[in-house]
Protein backbone atom coordinates (compact mmCIF):
# COMPACT_ATOMS: atom_id res chain seq x y z
CA MET A 1 37.99 130.03 123.00
CA LYS A 2 37.30 128.12 119.77
CA ALA A 3 34.36 129.85 117.79
CA ILE A 4 33.06 130.29 114.47
CA SER A 5 32.84 133.84 113.43
CA TYR A 6 32.97 135.88 110.30
CA ARG A 7 34.48 139.27 109.37
CA LYS A 8 32.32 140.40 106.53
CA TYR A 9 29.00 139.90 105.07
CA GLY A 10 28.40 136.94 102.68
CA GLY A 11 27.45 132.98 102.59
CA PRO A 12 28.65 130.10 104.47
CA GLU A 13 32.21 130.58 102.79
CA VAL A 14 32.85 133.68 104.99
CA LEU A 15 32.78 131.61 108.18
CA GLU A 16 36.21 131.05 109.92
CA TYR A 17 36.94 128.55 112.99
CA GLY A 18 39.40 129.73 115.24
CA GLU A 19 40.46 131.40 118.34
CA LEU A 20 38.40 134.40 119.79
CA PRO A 21 38.68 136.07 123.20
CA ASP A 22 36.46 134.65 125.93
CA PRO A 23 33.48 136.77 126.37
CA LYS A 24 33.25 139.33 129.26
CA VAL A 25 30.35 138.62 131.70
CA GLY A 26 28.04 141.87 132.43
CA PRO A 27 26.41 142.31 135.49
CA ASP A 28 23.02 140.99 134.37
CA GLU A 29 24.72 138.12 132.36
CA VAL A 30 25.83 134.58 133.13
CA LEU A 31 28.74 132.77 130.98
CA ILE A 32 27.59 129.62 129.42
CA ARG A 33 29.56 126.85 128.21
CA VAL A 34 27.97 125.81 125.12
CA ARG A 35 26.76 122.28 124.33
CA ALA A 36 24.75 122.96 121.54
CA ALA A 37 23.61 125.92 119.33
CA SER A 38 20.89 125.39 116.50
CA VAL A 39 20.76 126.97 112.95
CA ASN A 40 18.01 129.06 111.90
CA PRO A 41 17.20 130.86 108.53
CA VAL A 42 17.78 134.31 110.29
CA ASP A 43 21.18 133.42 111.03
CA TRP A 44 22.40 132.95 107.54
CA LYS A 45 20.32 135.93 106.48
CA ALA A 46 21.78 138.13 108.81
CA GLN A 47 25.35 137.09 108.10
CA ALA A 48 24.33 137.81 104.36
CA GLY A 49 23.59 141.59 105.30
CA TYR A 50 19.80 141.47 105.03
CA LEU A 51 19.27 142.85 108.36
CA ASP A 52 21.83 145.40 108.15
CA GLY A 53 19.36 148.06 107.88
CA MET A 54 18.25 147.06 111.44
CA LEU A 55 21.00 145.73 113.37
CA ASP A 56 24.67 147.26 113.54
CA ALA A 57 27.20 144.48 113.04
CA VAL A 58 30.28 144.49 115.19
CA PHE A 59 33.18 142.62 113.21
CA PRO A 60 34.35 139.91 113.94
CA VAL A 61 30.54 138.47 114.36
CA VAL A 62 29.85 135.32 116.05
CA PRO A 63 26.50 134.02 114.63
CA GLY A 64 23.81 132.26 116.34
CA TRP A 65 20.83 132.97 118.66
CA ASP A 66 19.66 129.80 119.79
CA VAL A 67 21.69 127.98 122.64
CA SER A 68 21.89 125.15 125.31
CA GLY A 69 24.58 124.58 128.09
CA VAL A 70 25.80 124.94 131.39
CA VAL A 71 26.31 127.98 133.47
CA VAL A 72 29.99 128.39 134.59
CA ARG A 73 29.94 131.97 136.23
CA LEU A 74 27.57 134.53 137.17
CA GLY A 75 27.32 138.22 136.91
CA VAL A 76 27.56 140.63 139.85
CA SER A 77 23.61 141.00 140.14
CA VAL A 78 22.29 137.54 139.15
CA PRO A 79 20.36 135.63 141.80
CA GLU A 80 18.57 133.72 139.36
CA TYR A 81 21.09 130.88 138.57
CA ALA A 82 24.12 129.09 140.21
CA VAL A 83 27.33 127.66 138.62
CA GLY A 84 26.18 124.25 137.24
CA ASP A 85 22.71 125.12 136.21
CA GLU A 86 21.67 123.79 132.83
CA VAL A 87 20.14 126.42 130.62
CA MET A 88 18.75 127.12 127.54
CA GLY A 89 18.26 130.45 125.59
CA TYR A 90 17.22 132.80 122.85
CA VAL A 91 20.39 135.06 123.12
CA ARG A 92 19.61 137.65 120.52
CA GLU A 93 20.73 141.41 121.26
CA ASP A 94 20.04 144.61 119.25
CA PHE A 95 23.21 144.19 117.29
CA LEU A 96 24.96 141.39 115.61
CA ALA A 97 28.39 140.59 117.56
CA HIS A 98 28.46 137.75 120.48
CA GLY A 99 26.45 134.80 119.10
CA THR A 100 26.22 131.03 120.27
CA PHE A 101 28.50 129.39 117.64
CA ALA A 102 31.29 129.25 120.29
CA GLU A 103 32.58 127.26 123.39
CA TYR A 104 31.02 130.04 125.54
CA VAL A 105 28.54 132.88 125.27
CA SER A 106 27.73 135.48 127.81
CA ALA A 107 23.94 135.75 128.02
CA PRO A 108 21.69 138.33 129.42
CA VAL A 109 19.34 136.59 132.07
CA ARG A 110 16.32 137.84 130.22
CA THR A 111 17.48 135.68 127.49
CA LEU A 112 17.30 132.43 129.35
CA ALA A 113 15.36 129.82 131.09
CA ARG A 114 16.44 126.37 132.89
CA LYS A 115 16.77 123.64 130.43
CA PRO A 116 13.90 121.18 130.07
CA ARG A 117 14.66 118.12 132.03
CA ALA A 118 13.00 116.08 129.31
CA LEU A 119 15.37 117.42 126.63
CA GLY A 120 18.87 116.78 125.76
CA PHE A 121 21.04 119.62 125.06
CA GLU A 122 20.74 119.32 121.21
CA GLU A 123 16.68 119.35 121.39
CA ALA A 124 16.76 122.06 123.81
CA ALA A 125 18.92 124.25 121.58
CA ALA A 126 16.59 123.70 118.80
CA LEU A 127 13.70 124.86 120.95
CA PRO A 128 13.89 128.51 121.84
CA LEU A 129 13.35 130.65 118.75
CA VAL A 130 10.91 128.51 117.01
CA GLY A 131 8.99 127.75 120.18
CA LEU A 132 9.13 131.38 121.46
CA THR A 133 7.97 132.61 118.03
CA ALA A 134 4.89 130.14 118.20
CA TYR A 135 4.39 130.76 121.84
CA GLN A 136 4.10 134.64 121.61
CA VAL A 137 2.43 135.02 118.43
CA LEU A 138 -0.39 132.72 119.38
CA HIS A 139 -0.66 134.47 123.11
CA ARG A 140 0.01 138.13 122.50
CA PRO A 141 -2.82 140.41 122.13
CA GLN A 142 -1.06 142.45 119.50
CA ALA A 143 -0.78 139.28 117.32
CA LEU A 144 -3.37 136.38 117.54
CA ALA A 145 -4.38 136.03 121.08
CA VAL A 146 -6.15 132.85 120.17
CA ARG A 147 -8.69 131.17 122.61
CA SER A 148 -9.93 127.66 123.31
CA GLY A 149 -12.46 126.96 120.36
CA ASP A 150 -10.84 128.75 117.84
CA THR A 151 -10.00 127.25 114.39
CA VAL A 152 -6.45 128.27 113.32
CA LEU A 153 -4.94 127.90 110.00
CA VAL A 154 -1.26 127.31 110.22
CA HIS A 155 1.20 127.67 107.09
CA ALA A 156 4.35 125.72 106.73
CA ALA A 157 2.87 123.61 109.55
CA ALA A 158 5.66 120.82 109.45
CA GLY A 159 8.33 123.59 109.64
CA GLY A 160 10.24 124.87 112.73
CA VAL A 161 7.91 127.42 113.78
CA GLY A 162 4.78 125.90 112.24
CA SER A 163 5.15 122.65 114.12
CA MET A 164 5.45 124.48 117.31
CA ALA A 165 2.31 126.54 116.70
CA VAL A 166 0.33 123.32 115.95
CA GLN A 167 1.25 121.66 119.17
CA ILE A 168 0.71 125.06 121.36
CA ALA A 169 -2.55 125.89 119.53
CA ARG A 170 -3.78 122.30 120.25
CA HIS A 171 -2.84 122.56 123.80
CA LEU A 172 -4.71 125.90 124.07
CA GLY A 173 -8.05 123.92 122.65
CA CYS A 174 -7.87 125.03 119.30
CA ARG A 175 -8.77 123.05 116.13
CA VAL A 176 -5.95 123.33 113.99
CA ILE A 177 -5.65 123.14 110.08
CA GLY A 178 -2.23 122.74 109.05
CA ALA A 179 -0.92 123.76 105.20
CA ALA A 180 2.22 121.86 103.73
CA ARG A 181 3.77 120.47 100.84
CA ASP A 182 3.29 117.08 100.34
CA ALA A 183 6.36 115.81 102.18
CA GLY A 184 5.12 117.64 105.35
CA LEU A 185 1.69 116.40 105.32
CA ALA A 186 2.14 113.09 107.33
CA ARG A 187 4.17 115.21 109.86
CA VAL A 188 1.25 117.54 109.94
CA ALA A 189 -1.28 114.89 110.77
CA GLU A 190 1.06 113.34 113.38
CA LEU A 191 1.03 116.52 115.42
CA GLY A 192 -2.64 116.43 115.35
CA ALA A 193 -3.57 119.22 112.74
CA GLU A 194 -5.89 118.51 109.86
CA PRO A 195 -3.55 118.65 106.91
CA VAL A 196 -3.95 120.72 103.97
CA ARG A 197 -1.79 120.41 100.87
CA TYR A 198 -0.48 123.61 99.05
CA ASP A 199 -2.13 123.76 95.54
CA GLU A 200 -2.69 127.10 93.82
CA GLU A 201 -5.87 126.04 92.29
CA THR A 202 -7.39 124.23 95.16
CA PHE A 203 -5.89 125.49 98.42
CA ALA A 204 -8.44 127.90 99.36
CA ASP A 205 -11.11 125.54 98.71
CA GLN A 206 -9.67 123.13 100.61
CA VAL A 207 -9.77 125.22 103.51
CA ARG A 208 -13.30 126.31 103.17
CA ALA A 209 -14.30 122.65 102.89
CA LEU A 210 -12.89 121.90 106.29
CA ALA A 211 -14.09 125.49 107.82
CA PRO A 212 -17.05 126.49 105.64
CA GLN A 213 -17.85 129.51 108.20
CA GLY A 214 -13.87 130.49 107.84
CA VAL A 215 -11.01 130.47 110.75
CA ASP A 216 -10.61 132.57 113.45
CA ALA A 217 -6.69 133.03 113.11
CA VAL A 218 -4.21 132.68 110.37
CA LEU A 219 -0.35 132.13 111.14
CA ASP A 220 1.80 133.06 108.21
CA THR A 221 5.51 131.60 108.75
CA ILE A 222 6.64 132.03 105.14
CA GLY A 223 5.41 134.92 103.32
CA ALA A 224 3.99 135.74 99.90
CA ARG A 225 2.28 132.63 99.10
CA SER A 226 0.09 132.49 102.56
CA SER A 227 -0.36 136.31 102.96
CA SER A 228 -3.24 135.38 100.28
CA SER A 229 -5.05 133.64 103.43
CA PRO A 230 -7.54 136.54 104.26
CA PRO A 231 -10.38 135.15 102.06
CA SER A 232 -10.21 131.73 104.12
CA SER A 233 -10.65 133.65 107.33
CA SER A 234 -14.09 134.53 108.87
CA PRO A 235 -14.78 138.53 109.19
CA ALA A 236 -13.43 138.71 112.42
CA GLY A 237 -10.60 136.40 111.66
CA ARG A 238 -6.97 137.58 112.63
CA LEU A 239 -4.12 137.50 110.27
CA ALA A 240 -0.43 137.63 111.55
CA SER A 241 2.85 137.20 109.71
CA ILE A 242 6.36 136.73 111.08
CA ALA A 243 7.59 136.48 107.42
CA ASP A 244 6.29 139.19 105.51
CA GLY A 245 5.58 143.13 106.43
CA GLU A 246 3.16 143.24 103.50
CA VAL A 247 0.76 141.62 105.77
CA LEU A 248 -0.20 144.95 107.38
CA ALA A 249 -1.55 146.23 104.25
CA LEU A 250 -4.01 143.20 104.37
CA GLY A 251 -5.27 144.14 107.74
CA GLY A 252 -2.84 141.87 109.65
CA ARG A 253 -0.15 142.04 111.86
CA TYR A 254 3.50 141.66 111.55
CA PHE A 255 5.29 140.08 114.55
CA TRP A 256 8.78 139.73 115.72
CA VAL A 257 9.68 137.47 118.52
CA ARG A 258 11.52 138.76 121.34
CA PRO A 259 13.70 137.16 124.48
CA ASP A 260 11.25 136.74 127.30
CA ALA A 261 12.76 134.60 130.24
CA ALA A 262 9.08 133.82 131.41
CA ASP A 263 7.75 133.01 128.10
CA LEU A 264 10.72 130.49 127.69
CA ALA A 265 10.19 129.24 130.82
CA ALA A 266 6.57 128.32 130.15
CA LEU A 267 7.83 126.67 127.04
CA ALA A 268 10.35 124.70 128.99
CA ASP A 269 7.29 123.51 131.18
CA LEU A 270 5.39 122.55 128.23
CA ALA A 271 8.24 120.39 126.96
CA ASP A 272 8.67 118.66 130.28
CA ALA A 273 4.98 118.14 130.12
CA GLY A 274 5.29 116.59 126.86
CA VAL A 275 3.19 118.98 125.22
CA VAL A 276 5.66 120.26 122.67
CA THR A 277 8.36 118.02 121.27
CA VAL A 278 11.18 119.20 119.13
CA ARG A 279 12.90 117.20 116.02
CA VAL A 280 16.63 117.44 115.48
CA ALA A 281 17.03 116.31 111.80
CA ARG A 282 21.14 116.64 111.61
CA THR A 283 23.99 117.58 113.98
CA PHE A 284 27.31 118.90 112.75
CA PRO A 285 30.47 119.91 115.01
CA LEU A 286 31.32 123.54 115.46
CA GLU A 287 34.12 123.65 113.10
CA ARG A 288 31.74 122.30 110.56
CA ALA A 289 29.16 125.15 111.18
CA ALA A 290 29.18 126.13 107.37
CA ASP A 291 27.81 122.82 106.24
CA ALA A 292 25.21 123.28 109.12
CA GLN A 293 24.18 126.55 107.28
CA ARG A 294 23.90 125.11 104.02
CA ALA A 295 21.98 122.10 105.21
CA ASN A 296 19.55 124.73 106.70
CA ALA A 297 19.25 126.60 103.84
CA ALA A 298 18.72 123.76 101.54
CA GLY A 299 15.84 123.00 103.38
CA GLY A 300 13.80 119.69 103.02
CA LEU A 301 15.03 118.21 106.33
CA ASN A 302 12.09 116.84 108.81
CA GLY A 303 13.40 118.62 111.81
CA LYS A 304 16.19 121.25 113.03
CA VAL A 305 19.82 121.44 112.47
CA VAL A 306 22.18 121.71 115.34
CA VAL A 307 25.71 122.53 115.90
CA THR A 308 27.29 120.66 118.73
CA VAL A 309 30.10 121.94 121.00
CA PRO A 310 32.20 119.25 122.55
């Protein structure tokens, strides 16, 4: 099969496009003919070796955790799917090896759900990681566990996870205050949040003006800057970060998304109902995955970067 891979840690320059053996299909897996795979910052950070203390790398590594495509083969203990089913997945294992930037990926069924009918393959590939992260951090009791009527402050609310969190929180009946840079303020308002512009001198005052009694929950998606949020939360407020372990010292919770078929199916239902939408900013063919990584790392795009597989 054609695939993108790397044989040592590094930047986009270490990516190689070429032939690799077709993946084996384990008992609890399905073989997916990949149609699209989205780029997330964790992809190029893992590729650079930043997760080496957590995840073993089995070289050559095929990057990518997000995928959409079509089931072409079933593992021997898989009754959940049939050949021809269209699926999407957050195909993360506890090591780096068999990613989604390839013509085929063998994916455990625990990482998959049926592709939303309302989304094309490119949009569906852009949904799993950011959507699951937002869905789980808002719902889980070990994270924010928001309820209808809560006021929620979302940092980087125009970004991938942030924009999902705004949409899901509003669906749950929350009032949402969305922090963003100038370029993202219109997007935050479009999603239905009350926009607040990042400014070192006035940010906390802007939040207090909107929520004089404090906010009930703060979601940090970017780290250092937004870890200073607790003064904007009420005494009983909850703080969770998906980007900065230092949040623990502030009494908050550090949260990592995990593959979960039921959560992903619930997210697909929200997409089909029009509750959540995902925006694709740029697409690149598989052989230009290095350029896709560069575009994602550069930032400033109003949506996700997706790699397509013909």
